[in-house]
Amino acid sequence: MKRIPLNDPGRQAAALRDELDRAIRGVLASGWFILGPQVEAFEAEFAGFCGATHCVGVGNGTDALELALRALEIGPGDRVVTVANAGGYSAAAILAVGAEPLYIDVDPISMEMDPRALAAAAGPGTRAVIVTHLYGRMADMPAVLDAARGIPVVEDCAQAHGARLDGRAAGTWGAIGCFSFYPTKNLGALGDGGAVITRDAALAARVRALRQYGWRAKYHSLTPGGRNSRLDELQAAVLRAKLPHLEGWNRRRRALAGMYNQFFAEATLARRAPSGEDDVVHLYVLRYPDRDRLRAALSAASIGSDVHFPVPDYRQDSAAGRAWAACRLPVTEACCAEVVTLPCYPELREEELREVARCACASAG
């Protein structure tokens, strides 16, 4: 049987070949490759799509998180509350600015930040919260904001392009929203890219300066902590070509998730919750106690799978010796031990999905 990959960005690129060719040729013809009209146009279009006032394109999603923290003036000695089951990207940004992560446990059903744990953790010395919209489903933002009690909330929206809760887009609930445009994201570039959105003009101005050496004007640095993190014209043009398709792609992801749920209704696999507007199904993730056996069965059938994410941040080897490495969060650890990701992307064919589901059900018994 032909292999069913976990993800296949090439299928999307092939389907959009003419549009992407035009976008790329336009950039080549312009002779402008960094911070030009394509970036400006994408920033305006993406801000409008999200319902934000400002968008600032940056080099990648992790840079977006770091620059958001710097814009909020988070630094050495500060604590930033976050979760430990989302791949370590928030931790990378927190440590890059010299702050310390304060890990809290997640909700056992959604596997996202538990607002009750946040309410208990938020206190003196806590300067910010990074909440991840994990696997494409938005966190309970009203409860998170209530629990934060005025502490600035940064939304990690790298997996939630186009998700909306109560009609309000991911990234517009907190002080600032951060996006990645890695090629496998719901809105993916042909390389790395990222963006920050906000309704706060001062925060947007700080991020805009920070992405280019802290410059106030060319070669005149005003804002400390600046660096080179610029979304380039080529990626902006590609993203502009793809943005009009995003809502349709997200609907397709929800439909595929619904098909999986029907297959797994009577299996011993823990199904993903039904998908609404607050969930753009970036990843279709199951929980299964014998994950390795399930993945081995899928691999034997030439079906791709992965684990997002297997190791809590505080258990990473790179965390050794840190005070927060002694953290133990039982729900987080249970999630990390059981999650497994199945193929789910707009270009996945229904016969492929049925084959994946049949193999997973057979393995689970």
Protein backbone atom coordinates (compact mmCIF):
# COMPACT_ATOMS: atom_id res chain seq x y z
CA MET A 1 0.00 0.00 0.00
CA LYS A 2 1.16 3.54 -0.73
CA ARG A 3 2.41 5.32 2.37
CA ILE A 4 0.01 7.69 4.15
CA PRO A 5 2.20 10.45 5.58
CA LEU A 6 1.47 12.19 8.86
CA ASN A 7 1.51 15.45 6.92
CA ASP A 8 2.22 16.33 3.29
CA PRO A 9 2.74 20.06 2.57
CA GLY A 10 3.65 19.12 -1.00
CA ARG A 11 0.03 18.25 -1.76
CA GLN A 12 -1.09 21.74 -0.82
CA ALA A 13 1.74 23.36 -2.77
CA ALA A 14 0.81 21.32 -5.85
CA ALA A 15 -2.86 22.31 -5.61
CA LEU A 16 -1.89 26.00 -5.39
CA ARG A 17 0.97 25.85 -7.88
CA ASP A 18 -0.32 28.59 -10.19
CA GLU A 19 -1.14 30.99 -7.34
CA LEU A 20 2.20 30.38 -5.65
CA ASP A 21 4.09 30.77 -8.92
CA ARG A 22 2.45 34.16 -9.48
CA ALA A 23 3.24 35.26 -5.93
CA ILE A 24 6.87 34.23 -6.18
CA ARG A 25 7.35 35.73 -9.64
CA GLY A 26 5.90 39.00 -8.38
CA VAL A 27 8.47 39.21 -5.60
CA LEU A 28 11.33 38.35 -7.97
CA ALA A 29 10.19 41.02 -10.42
CA SER A 30 9.92 43.65 -7.67
CA GLY A 31 13.54 43.35 -6.58
CA TRP A 32 12.41 44.00 -2.98
CA PHE A 33 13.01 41.06 -0.65
CA ILE A 34 12.96 42.29 2.97
CA LEU A 35 10.28 44.39 4.75
CA GLY A 36 8.61 45.65 1.62
CA PRO A 37 5.08 45.92 0.19
CA GLN A 38 4.28 42.20 0.49
CA VAL A 39 5.03 42.18 4.22
CA GLU A 40 3.03 45.36 4.75
CA ALA A 41 0.08 43.95 2.81
CA PHE A 42 0.16 40.62 4.62
CA GLU A 43 0.34 42.34 8.00
CA ALA A 44 -2.76 44.37 7.16
CA GLU A 45 -4.64 41.37 5.74
CA PHE A 46 -3.80 39.03 8.60
CA ALA A 47 -4.67 41.66 11.21
CA GLY A 48 -8.01 42.12 9.47
CA PHE A 49 -8.61 38.37 9.30
CA CYS A 50 -7.99 38.05 13.05
CA GLY A 51 -9.83 41.20 14.04
CA ALA A 52 -6.67 42.74 15.46
CA THR A 53 -5.52 46.33 15.03
CA HIS A 54 -1.84 45.58 14.46
CA CYS A 55 0.22 42.74 12.99
CA VAL A 56 4.01 42.59 12.90
CA GLY A 57 5.70 39.92 10.77
CA VAL A 58 8.75 38.24 12.33
CA GLY A 59 11.17 35.43 11.55
CA ASN A 60 9.35 32.51 13.19
CA GLY A 61 6.90 31.59 15.92
CA THR A 62 9.44 31.21 18.71
CA ASP A 63 10.83 34.66 17.93
CA ALA A 64 7.25 35.96 18.10
CA LEU A 65 6.94 34.65 21.66
CA GLU A 66 10.32 36.04 22.70
CA LEU A 67 9.69 39.48 21.18
CA ALA A 68 6.24 39.56 22.78
CA LEU A 69 7.83 39.02 26.20
CA ARG A 70 10.47 41.67 25.49
CA ALA A 71 7.76 44.09 24.39
CA LEU A 72 6.07 43.46 27.76
CA GLU A 73 9.45 44.18 29.41
CA ILE A 74 9.77 40.70 30.89
CA GLY A 75 13.34 39.94 31.94
CA PRO A 76 15.70 38.46 34.53
CA GLY A 77 14.07 37.64 37.87
CA ASP A 78 10.57 37.56 36.40
CA ARG A 79 8.35 34.48 36.42
CA VAL A 80 6.16 33.51 33.49
CA VAL A 81 3.40 30.95 34.00
CA THR A 82 3.05 28.35 31.26
CA VAL A 83 2.41 24.65 30.63
CA ALA A 84 4.95 21.90 30.06
CA ASN A 85 3.18 19.67 27.50
CA ALA A 86 3.29 21.94 24.44
CA GLY A 87 6.73 21.29 22.97
CA GLY A 88 8.94 23.69 24.91
CA TYR A 89 8.50 26.72 22.65
CA SER A 90 7.21 28.97 25.41
CA ALA A 91 10.07 27.82 27.65
CA ALA A 92 12.61 28.70 24.93
CA ALA A 93 11.22 32.22 24.74
CA ILE A 94 11.01 32.64 28.52
CA LEU A 95 14.61 31.53 29.03
CA ALA A 96 15.82 33.66 26.11
CA VAL A 97 14.71 36.83 27.91
CA GLY A 98 16.29 35.65 31.18
CA ALA A 99 13.02 34.94 32.98
CA GLU A 100 12.00 31.70 34.70
CA PRO A 101 9.11 29.42 33.70
CA LEU A 102 6.53 28.57 36.33
CA TYR A 103 4.87 25.40 35.12
CA ILE A 104 1.30 24.56 36.04
CA ASP A 105 -0.82 21.51 35.29
CA VAL A 106 -3.31 21.10 32.49
CA ASP A 107 -6.96 20.14 32.30
CA PRO A 108 -7.27 16.32 31.93
CA ILE A 109 -9.85 16.59 29.12
CA SER A 110 -8.64 19.48 26.96
CA MET A 111 -4.94 18.99 27.91
CA GLU A 112 -4.65 22.79 27.95
CA MET A 113 -3.84 25.22 30.75
CA ASP A 114 -6.05 24.62 33.78
CA PRO A 115 -7.44 28.01 34.88
CA ARG A 116 -7.74 26.75 38.46
CA ALA A 117 -4.02 25.97 38.52
CA LEU A 118 -3.31 29.40 37.05
CA ALA A 119 -5.37 31.12 39.75
CA ALA A 120 -3.39 29.26 42.41
CA ALA A 121 -0.01 30.07 40.82
CA ALA A 122 -0.45 33.73 39.88
CA GLY A 123 1.12 35.87 42.56
CA PRO A 124 3.96 38.30 43.39
CA GLY A 125 6.82 37.99 40.93
CA THR A 126 4.59 36.56 38.20
CA ARG A 127 4.87 39.01 35.33
CA ALA A 128 3.18 37.21 32.42
CA VAL A 129 1.27 34.12 31.33
CA ILE A 130 1.82 32.21 28.07
CA VAL A 131 -1.23 30.14 27.18
CA THR A 132 -0.97 27.69 24.26
CA HIS A 133 -3.97 26.87 22.09
CA LEU A 134 -2.88 23.26 21.85
CA TYR A 135 -3.57 21.06 18.80
CA GLY A 136 -5.74 23.79 17.28
CA ARG A 137 -8.31 24.07 20.08
CA MET A 138 -8.56 27.38 21.91
CA ALA A 139 -8.00 27.43 25.63
CA ASP A 140 -10.82 28.68 27.85
CA MET A 141 -9.77 32.29 27.47
CA PRO A 142 -12.47 33.93 29.64
CA ALA A 143 -11.47 31.64 32.51
CA VAL A 144 -7.74 32.15 31.84
CA LEU A 145 -8.07 35.93 31.84
CA ASP A 146 -10.14 35.81 35.01
CA ALA A 147 -7.56 33.59 36.72
CA ALA A 148 -4.67 35.81 35.58
CA ARG A 149 -6.12 38.73 37.56
CA GLY A 150 -4.62 41.43 35.35
CA ILE A 151 -1.27 39.73 34.64
CA PRO A 152 -0.53 40.16 30.90
CA VAL A 153 -1.49 37.07 28.88
CA VAL A 154 0.44 36.09 25.76
CA GLU A 155 -1.42 33.70 23.45
CA ASP A 156 0.65 31.08 21.63
CA CYS A 157 -1.51 30.65 18.51
CA ALA A 158 1.01 28.64 16.48
CA GLN A 159 -1.53 25.82 16.12
CA ALA A 160 -4.72 27.89 16.04
CA HIS A 161 -4.83 30.08 12.92
CA GLY A 162 -8.46 31.06 12.43
CA ALA A 163 -9.85 29.55 15.64
CA ARG A 164 -12.59 31.63 17.26
CA LEU A 165 -14.22 31.53 20.66
CA ASP A 166 -17.50 33.43 21.06
CA GLY A 167 -16.74 35.01 17.69
CA ARG A 168 -13.38 36.36 18.83
CA ALA A 169 -10.21 35.10 17.16
CA ALA A 170 -7.27 33.37 18.79
CA GLY A 171 -4.64 35.98 19.54
CA THR A 172 -7.06 38.82 20.29
CA TRP A 173 -8.03 37.85 23.84
CA GLY A 174 -4.77 38.50 25.63
CA ALA A 175 -2.33 41.39 25.46
CA ILE A 176 -0.61 39.91 22.43
CA GLY A 177 -0.98 36.88 20.14
CA CYS A 178 1.90 34.97 18.55
CA PHE A 179 1.79 32.89 15.36
CA SER A 180 4.11 30.53 13.52
CA PHE A 181 3.87 29.97 9.76
CA TYR A 182 6.00 26.83 9.70
CA PRO A 183 5.07 24.86 6.54
CA THR A 184 2.83 22.32 8.31
CA LYS A 185 0.76 24.92 10.17
CA ASN A 186 -2.85 25.59 9.20
CA LEU A 187 -1.48 28.68 7.46
CA GLY A 188 2.03 27.69 6.44
CA ALA A 189 4.76 29.42 4.48
CA LEU A 190 7.37 27.75 2.26
CA GLY A 191 9.87 28.12 5.08
CA ASP A 192 9.95 29.78 8.48
CA GLY A 193 7.86 32.80 9.37
CA GLY A 194 5.90 34.25 12.26
CA ALA A 195 3.80 37.18 13.39
CA VAL A 196 2.59 39.03 16.45
CA ILE A 197 -0.89 40.58 16.61
CA THR A 198 -2.24 43.03 19.17
CA ARG A 199 -4.74 45.82 19.69
CA ASP A 200 -2.16 47.83 21.65
CA ALA A 201 -0.33 50.37 19.47
CA ALA A 202 2.54 50.75 21.94
CA LEU A 203 3.18 47.00 22.10
CA ALA A 204 3.07 46.77 18.30
CA ALA A 205 5.59 49.61 18.01
CA ARG A 206 7.94 47.90 20.45
CA VAL A 207 7.77 44.58 18.57
CA ARG A 208 8.30 46.41 15.27
CA ALA A 209 11.46 47.97 16.67
CA LEU A 210 12.65 44.77 18.36
CA ARG A 211 12.41 42.72 15.16
CA GLN A 212 15.07 44.96 13.59
CA TYR A 213 17.80 45.64 16.14
CA GLY A 214 15.65 47.95 18.24
CA TRP A 215 15.95 50.65 15.59
CA ARG A 216 14.00 53.87 15.92
CA ALA A 217 15.44 54.88 12.54
CA LYS A 218 17.98 53.08 10.37
CA TYR A 219 21.18 52.44 12.33
CA HIS A 220 19.79 54.24 15.39
CA SER A 221 18.91 51.71 18.11
CA LEU A 222 16.52 52.87 20.81
CA THR A 223 14.83 49.74 22.22
CA PRO A 224 17.14 47.31 24.06
CA GLY A 225 16.92 43.59 23.31
CA GLY A 226 16.45 44.04 19.57
CA ARG A 227 17.56 41.44 17.02
CA ASN A 228 17.16 40.46 13.38
CA SER A 229 13.79 38.69 13.08
CA ARG A 230 12.07 39.80 9.91
CA LEU A 231 9.38 38.09 7.84
CA ASP A 232 10.71 38.23 4.29
CA GLU A 233 8.84 39.36 1.19
CA LEU A 234 8.78 35.91 -0.41
CA GLN A 235 7.11 34.23 2.57
CA ALA A 236 4.70 37.14 2.96
CA ALA A 237 3.63 36.80 -0.67
CA VAL A 238 3.10 33.06 -0.23
CA LEU A 239 1.04 33.64 2.90
CA ARG A 240 -1.07 36.23 1.12
CA ALA A 241 -1.84 33.67 -1.58
CA LYS A 242 -2.82 31.09 1.01
CA LEU A 243 -4.79 33.23 3.47
CA PRO A 244 -8.05 33.28 1.42
CA HIS A 245 -8.08 29.45 1.58
CA LEU A 246 -7.60 29.18 5.34
CA GLU A 247 -11.25 29.09 6.39
CA GLY A 248 -12.00 26.33 3.87
CA TRP A 249 -9.00 24.33 4.99
CA ASN A 250 -10.10 24.65 8.62
CA ARG A 251 -13.60 23.43 7.75
CA ARG A 252 -12.06 20.42 6.03
CA ARG A 253 -9.93 19.66 9.10
CA ARG A 254 -13.06 19.73 11.29
CA ALA A 255 -14.85 17.41 8.87
CA LEU A 256 -11.97 14.93 8.93
CA ALA A 257 -11.90 15.03 12.72
CA GLY A 258 -15.62 14.26 12.75
CA MET A 259 -15.04 11.22 10.51
CA TYR A 260 -12.32 9.95 12.82
CA ASN A 261 -14.63 10.42 15.81
CA GLN A 262 -17.31 8.29 14.13
CA PHE A 263 -14.81 5.49 13.50
CA PHE A 264 -13.53 5.59 17.07
CA ALA A 265 -16.95 5.85 18.74
CA GLU A 266 -16.92 2.21 19.82
CA ALA A 267 -13.16 1.66 20.01
CA THR A 268 -11.09 1.83 23.17
CA LEU A 269 -9.35 4.93 21.84
CA ALA A 270 -9.99 8.22 23.62
CA ARG A 271 -11.62 10.33 20.92
CA ARG A 272 -10.93 13.98 20.29
CA ALA A 273 -13.78 16.22 21.42
CA PRO A 274 -16.20 17.43 18.73
CA SER A 275 -14.85 20.41 16.82
CA GLY A 276 -16.52 23.82 16.71
CA GLU A 277 -15.27 27.24 15.65
CA ASP A 278 -12.91 27.26 18.63
CA ASP A 279 -11.02 24.28 17.17
CA VAL A 280 -9.19 24.27 13.84
CA VAL A 281 -7.81 20.73 14.36
CA HIS A 282 -4.18 21.50 13.67
CA LEU A 283 -3.47 17.99 14.94
CA TYR A 284 -5.78 15.03 15.52
CA VAL A 285 -4.47 13.67 18.80
CA LEU A 286 -5.66 10.55 20.62
CA ARG A 287 -4.73 9.25 24.04
CA TYR A 288 -3.89 5.56 24.31
CA PRO A 289 -2.01 3.82 27.15
CA ASP A 290 -0.05 1.47 24.85
CA ARG A 291 1.02 4.15 22.42
CA ASP A 292 4.10 2.32 21.17
CA ARG A 293 2.06 -0.72 20.09
CA LEU A 294 -0.43 1.51 18.27
CA ARG A 295 2.33 3.40 16.47
CA ALA A 296 4.09 0.16 15.52
CA ALA A 297 0.89 -1.14 13.93
CA LEU A 298 0.45 2.09 12.00
CA SER A 299 4.06 2.02 10.84
CA ALA A 300 3.70 -1.59 9.66
CA ALA A 301 0.78 -0.41 7.51
CA SER A 302 2.90 2.45 6.07
CA ILE A 303 0.93 5.06 8.02
CA GLY A 304 2.72 8.00 9.57
CA SER A 305 2.16 9.05 13.18
CA ASP A 306 3.95 11.15 15.78
CA VAL A 307 3.86 12.21 19.42
CA HIS A 308 3.05 15.85 20.27
CA PHE A 309 4.69 15.99 22.77
CA PRO A 310 6.44 13.14 24.62
CA VAL A 311 8.55 14.92 27.26
CA PRO A 312 7.36 17.60 29.72
CA ASP A 313 9.59 20.67 29.49
CA TYR A 314 10.90 20.25 33.03
CA ARG A 315 12.02 16.67 32.27
CA GLN A 316 14.14 17.65 29.27
CA ASP A 317 17.87 16.97 29.64
CA SER A 318 18.53 20.64 28.98
CA ALA A 319 16.57 21.49 32.13
CA ALA A 320 18.94 19.56 34.40
CA GLY A 321 20.11 21.62 37.35
CA ARG A 322 17.37 24.22 37.08
CA ALA A 323 15.24 24.79 40.16
CA TRP A 324 12.06 24.24 38.19
CA ALA A 325 13.30 20.85 36.89
CA ALA A 326 12.06 19.35 40.17
CA CYS A 327 8.49 20.17 39.13
CA ARG A 328 6.05 17.24 38.94
CA LEU A 329 2.65 17.67 37.30
CA PRO A 330 0.63 14.43 37.25
CA VAL A 331 -1.90 15.31 34.56
CA THR A 332 0.80 16.73 32.29
CA GLU A 333 2.88 13.58 32.66
CA ALA A 334 -0.09 11.31 31.97
CA CYS A 335 -0.87 13.25 28.81
CA CYS A 336 2.71 13.17 27.57
CA ALA A 337 2.82 9.40 28.14
CA GLU A 338 -0.31 8.66 26.09
CA VAL A 339 -0.80 11.17 23.27
CA VAL A 340 -0.40 10.06 19.66
CA THR A 341 -1.05 12.07 16.50
CA LEU A 342 -2.76 10.67 13.40
CA PRO A 343 -2.73 12.12 9.87
CA CYS A 344 -5.25 14.98 9.56
CA TYR A 345 -4.76 17.73 6.98
CA PRO A 346 -7.02 19.22 4.31
CA GLU A 347 -5.48 17.24 1.45
CA LEU A 348 -5.90 13.87 3.23
CA ARG A 349 -8.23 11.70 1.15
CA GLU A 350 -11.21 10.03 2.78
CA GLU A 351 -10.06 6.56 1.74
CA GLU A 352 -6.74 7.28 3.44
CA LEU A 353 -8.52 8.40 6.61
CA ARG A 354 -10.60 5.22 6.61
CA GLU A 355 -7.44 3.14 6.29
CA VAL A 356 -5.82 4.99 9.20
CA ALA A 357 -8.92 4.54 11.35
CA ARG A 358 -9.27 0.84 10.51
CA CYS A 359 -5.65 0.18 11.41
CA ALA A 360 -5.88 2.16 14.66
CA CYS A 361 -9.11 0.40 15.70
CA ALA A 362 -7.64 -3.04 14.91
CA SER A 363 -4.55 -2.28 16.97
CA ALA A 364 -6.58 -0.98 19.92
CA GLY A 365 -8.82 -4.05 19.88
